[in-house]
């Protein structure tokens, strides 16, 4: 399946990116992910084989990643906010849960 974008009110959820227009690599490094570029590739693969779904919870006007949500197939979503961005995660997790229930 292709990555599903979700409008979560004040937040925009999208697939992770690392291209010449948008890169989530610095934000993922900020979250403590050891190899953020490889993490983006793995996230794309997870969507493709439907084994793991990953979203960047973003500020809609800038597209900046505020928190990260992942869910392995059949598992509840888990997330991690960047420092000071807990509200983005709190608002987005229930939306992702509803999406996953619809699969």
N, C-alpha and C. Protein backbone atom coordinates (compact mmCIF):
# COMPACT_ATOMS: atom_id res chain seq x y z
N UNK A 1 0.85 -1.17 0.00
CA UNK A 1 0.00 0.00 0.00
C UNK A 1 0.89 1.23 0.00
N UNK A 2 0.40 2.27 -0.63
CA UNK A 2 1.11 3.54 -0.58
C UNK A 2 0.83 4.21 0.76
N UNK A 3 1.74 5.04 1.21
CA UNK A 3 1.57 5.76 2.46
C UNK A 3 0.29 6.59 2.42
N UNK A 4 -0.41 6.61 3.54
CA UNK A 4 -1.67 7.34 3.65
C UNK A 4 -1.42 8.62 4.43
N UNK A 5 -1.79 9.74 3.82
CA UNK A 5 -1.70 11.03 4.50
C UNK A 5 -3.00 11.27 5.25
N UNK A 6 -2.89 11.88 6.43
CA UNK A 6 -4.04 12.10 7.28
C UNK A 6 -4.04 13.54 7.77
N UNK A 7 -5.20 14.18 7.69
CA UNK A 7 -5.38 15.50 8.29
C UNK A 7 -5.91 15.27 9.70
N UNK A 8 -5.15 15.69 10.69
CA UNK A 8 -5.54 15.49 12.09
C UNK A 8 -5.80 16.83 12.76
N UNK A 9 -6.62 17.65 12.15
CA UNK A 9 -6.93 18.95 12.73
C UNK A 9 -5.76 19.89 12.61
N UNK A 10 -5.12 20.17 13.72
CA UNK A 10 -3.99 21.10 13.73
C UNK A 10 -2.71 20.49 13.16
N UNK A 11 -2.74 19.19 12.87
CA UNK A 11 -1.54 18.49 12.43
C UNK A 11 -1.79 17.76 11.12
N UNK A 12 -0.74 17.59 10.37
CA UNK A 12 -0.78 16.91 9.10
C UNK A 12 0.13 15.70 9.20
N UNK A 13 -0.37 14.51 8.95
CA UNK A 13 0.42 13.30 9.03
C UNK A 13 0.75 12.83 7.62
N UNK A 14 2.02 12.55 7.40
CA UNK A 14 2.49 12.15 6.08
C UNK A 14 3.60 11.13 6.23
N UNK A 15 3.96 10.54 5.10
CA UNK A 15 5.10 9.62 5.08
C UNK A 15 6.39 10.39 5.37
N UNK A 16 7.36 9.66 5.88
CA UNK A 16 8.68 10.28 6.07
C UNK A 16 9.29 10.59 4.72
N UNK A 17 10.11 11.63 4.70
CA UNK A 17 10.75 12.04 3.44
C UNK A 17 12.22 12.35 3.66
N UNK A 18 12.97 12.12 2.61
CA UNK A 18 14.37 12.53 2.55
C UNK A 18 14.71 12.72 1.08
N UNK A 19 14.36 13.89 0.58
CA UNK A 19 14.63 14.20 -0.83
C UNK A 19 15.11 15.64 -0.93
N UNK A 20 15.24 16.14 -2.15
CA UNK A 20 15.79 17.49 -2.32
C UNK A 20 14.81 18.59 -1.94
N UNK A 21 13.55 18.25 -1.66
CA UNK A 21 12.56 19.25 -1.23
C UNK A 21 12.34 19.25 0.28
N UNK A 22 12.24 18.05 0.87
CA UNK A 22 11.97 17.91 2.31
C UNK A 22 12.81 16.77 2.85
N UNK A 23 13.45 17.01 3.98
CA UNK A 23 14.20 15.95 4.64
C UNK A 23 13.83 15.89 6.12
N UNK A 24 13.38 14.72 6.54
CA UNK A 24 13.09 14.49 7.95
C UNK A 24 14.30 13.97 8.70
N UNK A 25 15.42 13.80 8.02
CA UNK A 25 16.62 13.23 8.63
C UNK A 25 17.06 14.03 9.87
N UNK A 26 17.16 15.36 9.83
CA UNK A 26 17.58 16.08 11.04
C UNK A 26 16.62 15.88 12.21
N UNK A 27 15.31 15.89 11.95
CA UNK A 27 14.34 15.70 13.02
C UNK A 27 14.43 14.28 13.59
N UNK A 28 14.63 13.29 12.72
CA UNK A 28 14.77 11.92 13.20
C UNK A 28 16.04 11.76 14.03
N UNK A 29 17.11 12.42 13.62
CA UNK A 29 18.34 12.39 14.42
C UNK A 29 18.08 13.04 15.78
N UNK A 30 17.30 14.11 15.79
CA UNK A 30 16.93 14.78 17.04
C UNK A 30 16.16 13.84 17.97
N UNK A 31 15.41 12.91 17.38
CA UNK A 31 14.67 11.92 18.16
C UNK A 31 15.55 10.76 18.62
N UNK A 32 16.82 10.75 18.22
CA UNK A 32 17.75 9.72 18.66
C UNK A 32 17.85 8.52 17.75
N UNK A 33 17.31 8.62 16.55
CA UNK A 33 17.41 7.51 15.60
C UNK A 33 18.81 7.50 15.01
N UNK A 34 19.49 6.36 15.16
CA UNK A 34 20.91 6.26 14.80
C UNK A 34 21.21 6.49 13.33
N UNK A 35 20.43 5.92 12.44
CA UNK A 35 20.66 6.08 11.01
C UNK A 35 19.35 6.57 10.39
N UNK A 36 19.09 7.87 10.50
CA UNK A 36 17.79 8.39 10.07
C UNK A 36 17.50 8.20 8.58
N UNK A 37 18.51 8.27 7.73
CA UNK A 37 18.27 8.08 6.30
C UNK A 37 17.81 6.65 6.03
N UNK A 38 18.43 5.68 6.68
CA UNK A 38 18.02 4.29 6.54
C UNK A 38 16.63 4.07 7.13
N UNK A 39 16.31 4.80 8.19
CA UNK A 39 14.99 4.70 8.81
C UNK A 39 13.90 5.14 7.83
N UNK A 40 14.16 6.19 7.07
CA UNK A 40 13.20 6.66 6.07
C UNK A 40 12.99 5.58 5.00
N UNK A 41 14.06 4.97 4.55
CA UNK A 41 13.96 3.89 3.55
C UNK A 41 13.16 2.72 4.13
N UNK A 42 13.44 2.34 5.37
CA UNK A 42 12.72 1.24 6.00
C UNK A 42 11.24 1.58 6.17
N UNK A 43 10.94 2.84 6.47
CA UNK A 43 9.54 3.26 6.60
C UNK A 43 8.80 3.10 5.28
N UNK A 44 9.45 3.47 4.19
CA UNK A 44 8.84 3.29 2.86
C UNK A 44 8.60 1.81 2.58
N UNK A 45 9.56 0.96 2.93
CA UNK A 45 9.41 -0.47 2.72
C UNK A 45 8.28 -1.05 3.57
N UNK A 46 8.13 -0.54 4.79
CA UNK A 46 7.05 -0.99 5.66
C UNK A 46 5.68 -0.70 5.08
N UNK A 47 5.53 0.49 4.49
CA UNK A 47 4.27 0.80 3.82
C UNK A 47 4.05 -0.13 2.63
N UNK A 48 5.09 -0.35 1.85
CA UNK A 48 4.97 -1.14 0.63
C UNK A 48 4.53 -2.58 0.92
N UNK A 49 5.09 -3.18 1.97
CA UNK A 49 4.72 -4.57 2.28
C UNK A 49 3.69 -4.67 3.41
N UNK A 50 3.21 -3.52 3.86
CA UNK A 50 2.16 -3.42 4.89
C UNK A 50 2.55 -4.08 6.21
N UNK A 51 3.85 -4.06 6.52
CA UNK A 51 4.33 -4.63 7.77
C UNK A 51 4.46 -3.59 8.89
N UNK A 52 4.64 -2.33 8.49
CA UNK A 52 4.77 -1.26 9.48
C UNK A 52 4.36 0.06 8.82
N UNK A 53 3.57 0.82 9.54
CA UNK A 53 3.10 2.11 9.05
C UNK A 53 3.75 3.21 9.88
N UNK A 54 4.28 4.21 9.21
CA UNK A 54 5.03 5.27 9.88
C UNK A 54 4.55 6.62 9.37
N UNK A 55 4.34 7.54 10.32
CA UNK A 55 3.92 8.89 9.97
C UNK A 55 4.81 9.94 10.63
N UNK A 56 5.08 10.98 9.89
CA UNK A 56 5.63 12.21 10.45
C UNK A 56 4.43 13.08 10.80
N UNK A 57 4.31 13.46 12.05
CA UNK A 57 3.26 14.38 12.47
C UNK A 57 3.84 15.78 12.31
N UNK A 58 3.26 16.54 11.39
CA UNK A 58 3.88 17.79 10.96
C UNK A 58 3.02 19.01 11.24
N UNK A 59 3.69 20.12 11.38
CA UNK A 59 3.05 21.43 11.40
C UNK A 59 2.65 21.69 9.95
N UNK A 60 1.36 21.93 9.68
CA UNK A 60 0.91 21.96 8.28
C UNK A 60 1.49 23.08 7.42
N UNK A 61 1.84 24.21 7.98
CA UNK A 61 2.32 25.30 7.13
C UNK A 61 3.79 25.15 6.75
N UNK A 62 4.58 24.46 7.58
CA UNK A 62 6.00 24.29 7.28
C UNK A 62 6.37 22.88 6.89
N UNK A 63 5.55 21.90 7.27
CA UNK A 63 5.86 20.50 7.01
C UNK A 63 6.91 19.93 7.95
N UNK A 64 7.30 20.70 8.96
CA UNK A 64 8.33 20.23 9.89
C UNK A 64 7.79 19.11 10.79
N UNK A 65 8.57 18.05 10.93
CA UNK A 65 8.20 16.92 11.76
C UNK A 65 8.22 17.33 13.23
N UNK A 66 7.08 17.17 13.90
CA UNK A 66 6.95 17.48 15.32
C UNK A 66 7.01 16.22 16.18
N UNK A 67 6.48 15.12 15.63
CA UNK A 67 6.55 13.84 16.32
C UNK A 67 6.49 12.72 15.28
N UNK A 68 6.76 11.52 15.74
CA UNK A 68 6.84 10.34 14.89
C UNK A 68 5.89 9.30 15.45
N UNK A 69 5.10 8.67 14.56
CA UNK A 69 4.21 7.58 14.96
C UNK A 69 4.50 6.38 14.08
N UNK A 70 4.61 5.21 14.71
CA UNK A 70 4.77 3.97 13.96
C UNK A 70 3.79 2.94 14.52
N UNK A 71 3.39 2.02 13.65
CA UNK A 71 2.54 0.92 14.07
C UNK A 71 2.90 -0.30 13.23
N UNK A 72 3.36 -1.35 13.89
CA UNK A 72 3.57 -2.61 13.20
C UNK A 72 2.19 -3.19 12.89
N UNK A 73 2.09 -3.94 11.82
CA UNK A 73 0.81 -4.51 11.41
C UNK A 73 0.19 -5.26 12.58
N UNK A 74 -1.07 -4.94 12.88
CA UNK A 74 -1.80 -5.60 13.96
C UNK A 74 -1.47 -5.11 15.35
N UNK A 75 -0.63 -4.11 15.47
CA UNK A 75 -0.23 -3.58 16.78
C UNK A 75 -0.73 -2.15 16.95
N UNK A 76 -0.91 -1.70 18.19
CA UNK A 76 -1.31 -0.31 18.39
C UNK A 76 -0.17 0.63 18.04
N UNK A 77 -0.49 1.85 17.65
CA UNK A 77 0.56 2.80 17.31
C UNK A 77 1.31 3.29 18.55
N UNK A 78 2.57 3.61 18.33
CA UNK A 78 3.40 4.21 19.37
C UNK A 78 4.04 5.45 18.76
N UNK A 79 4.37 6.40 19.60
CA UNK A 79 4.94 7.63 19.08
C UNK A 79 5.99 8.23 19.98
N UNK A 80 6.68 9.17 19.39
CA UNK A 80 7.73 9.90 20.10
C UNK A 80 7.70 11.34 19.64
N UNK A 81 7.50 12.28 20.57
CA UNK A 81 7.51 13.69 20.18
C UNK A 81 8.91 14.28 20.27
N UNK A 82 9.14 15.29 19.49
CA UNK A 82 10.35 16.09 19.67
C UNK A 82 10.16 16.92 20.94
N UNK A 83 11.22 17.42 21.45
CA UNK A 83 11.18 18.21 22.68
C UNK A 83 10.17 19.35 22.56
N UNK A 84 9.26 19.43 23.51
CA UNK A 84 8.28 20.50 23.54
C UNK A 84 7.11 20.30 22.59
N UNK A 85 7.01 19.13 21.96
CA UNK A 85 5.97 18.89 20.94
C UNK A 85 5.01 17.77 21.31
N UNK A 86 4.84 17.51 22.59
CA UNK A 86 3.98 16.43 23.07
C UNK A 86 2.55 16.56 22.55
N UNK A 87 2.04 17.78 22.45
CA UNK A 87 0.66 17.96 22.01
C UNK A 87 0.42 17.40 20.61
N UNK A 88 1.42 17.51 19.73
CA UNK A 88 1.27 16.96 18.39
C UNK A 88 1.03 15.45 18.45
N UNK A 89 1.74 14.78 19.31
CA UNK A 89 1.58 13.34 19.46
C UNK A 89 0.24 13.01 20.11
N UNK A 90 -0.10 13.73 21.16
CA UNK A 90 -1.37 13.48 21.85
C UNK A 90 -2.57 13.65 20.92
N UNK A 91 -2.51 14.64 20.05
CA UNK A 91 -3.62 14.88 19.12
C UNK A 91 -3.66 13.85 17.99
N UNK A 92 -2.51 13.39 17.54
CA UNK A 92 -2.44 12.53 16.36
C UNK A 92 -2.66 11.05 16.65
N UNK A 93 -2.27 10.58 17.82
CA UNK A 93 -2.39 9.15 18.10
C UNK A 93 -3.82 8.62 17.96
N UNK A 94 -4.84 9.30 18.51
CA UNK A 94 -6.20 8.77 18.34
C UNK A 94 -6.64 8.72 16.87
N UNK A 95 -6.17 9.65 16.07
CA UNK A 95 -6.52 9.67 14.65
C UNK A 95 -5.90 8.46 13.95
N UNK A 96 -4.65 8.15 14.28
CA UNK A 96 -3.98 6.99 13.70
C UNK A 96 -4.67 5.71 14.17
N UNK A 97 -5.06 5.66 15.44
CA UNK A 97 -5.77 4.48 15.93
C UNK A 97 -7.05 4.23 15.14
N UNK A 98 -7.80 5.29 14.87
CA UNK A 98 -9.03 5.14 14.08
C UNK A 98 -8.71 4.66 12.66
N UNK A 99 -7.66 5.20 12.07
CA UNK A 99 -7.27 4.75 10.72
C UNK A 99 -6.94 3.26 10.74
N UNK A 100 -6.15 2.82 11.70
CA UNK A 100 -5.72 1.42 11.76
C UNK A 100 -6.91 0.48 11.97
N UNK A 101 -7.90 0.93 12.71
CA UNK A 101 -9.12 0.11 12.92
C UNK A 101 -9.89 -0.07 11.63
N UNK A 102 -9.73 0.86 10.69
CA UNK A 102 -10.47 0.77 9.43
C UNK A 102 -9.81 -0.16 8.42
N UNK A 103 -8.60 -0.61 8.71
CA UNK A 103 -7.90 -1.52 7.77
C UNK A 103 -8.49 -2.91 7.78
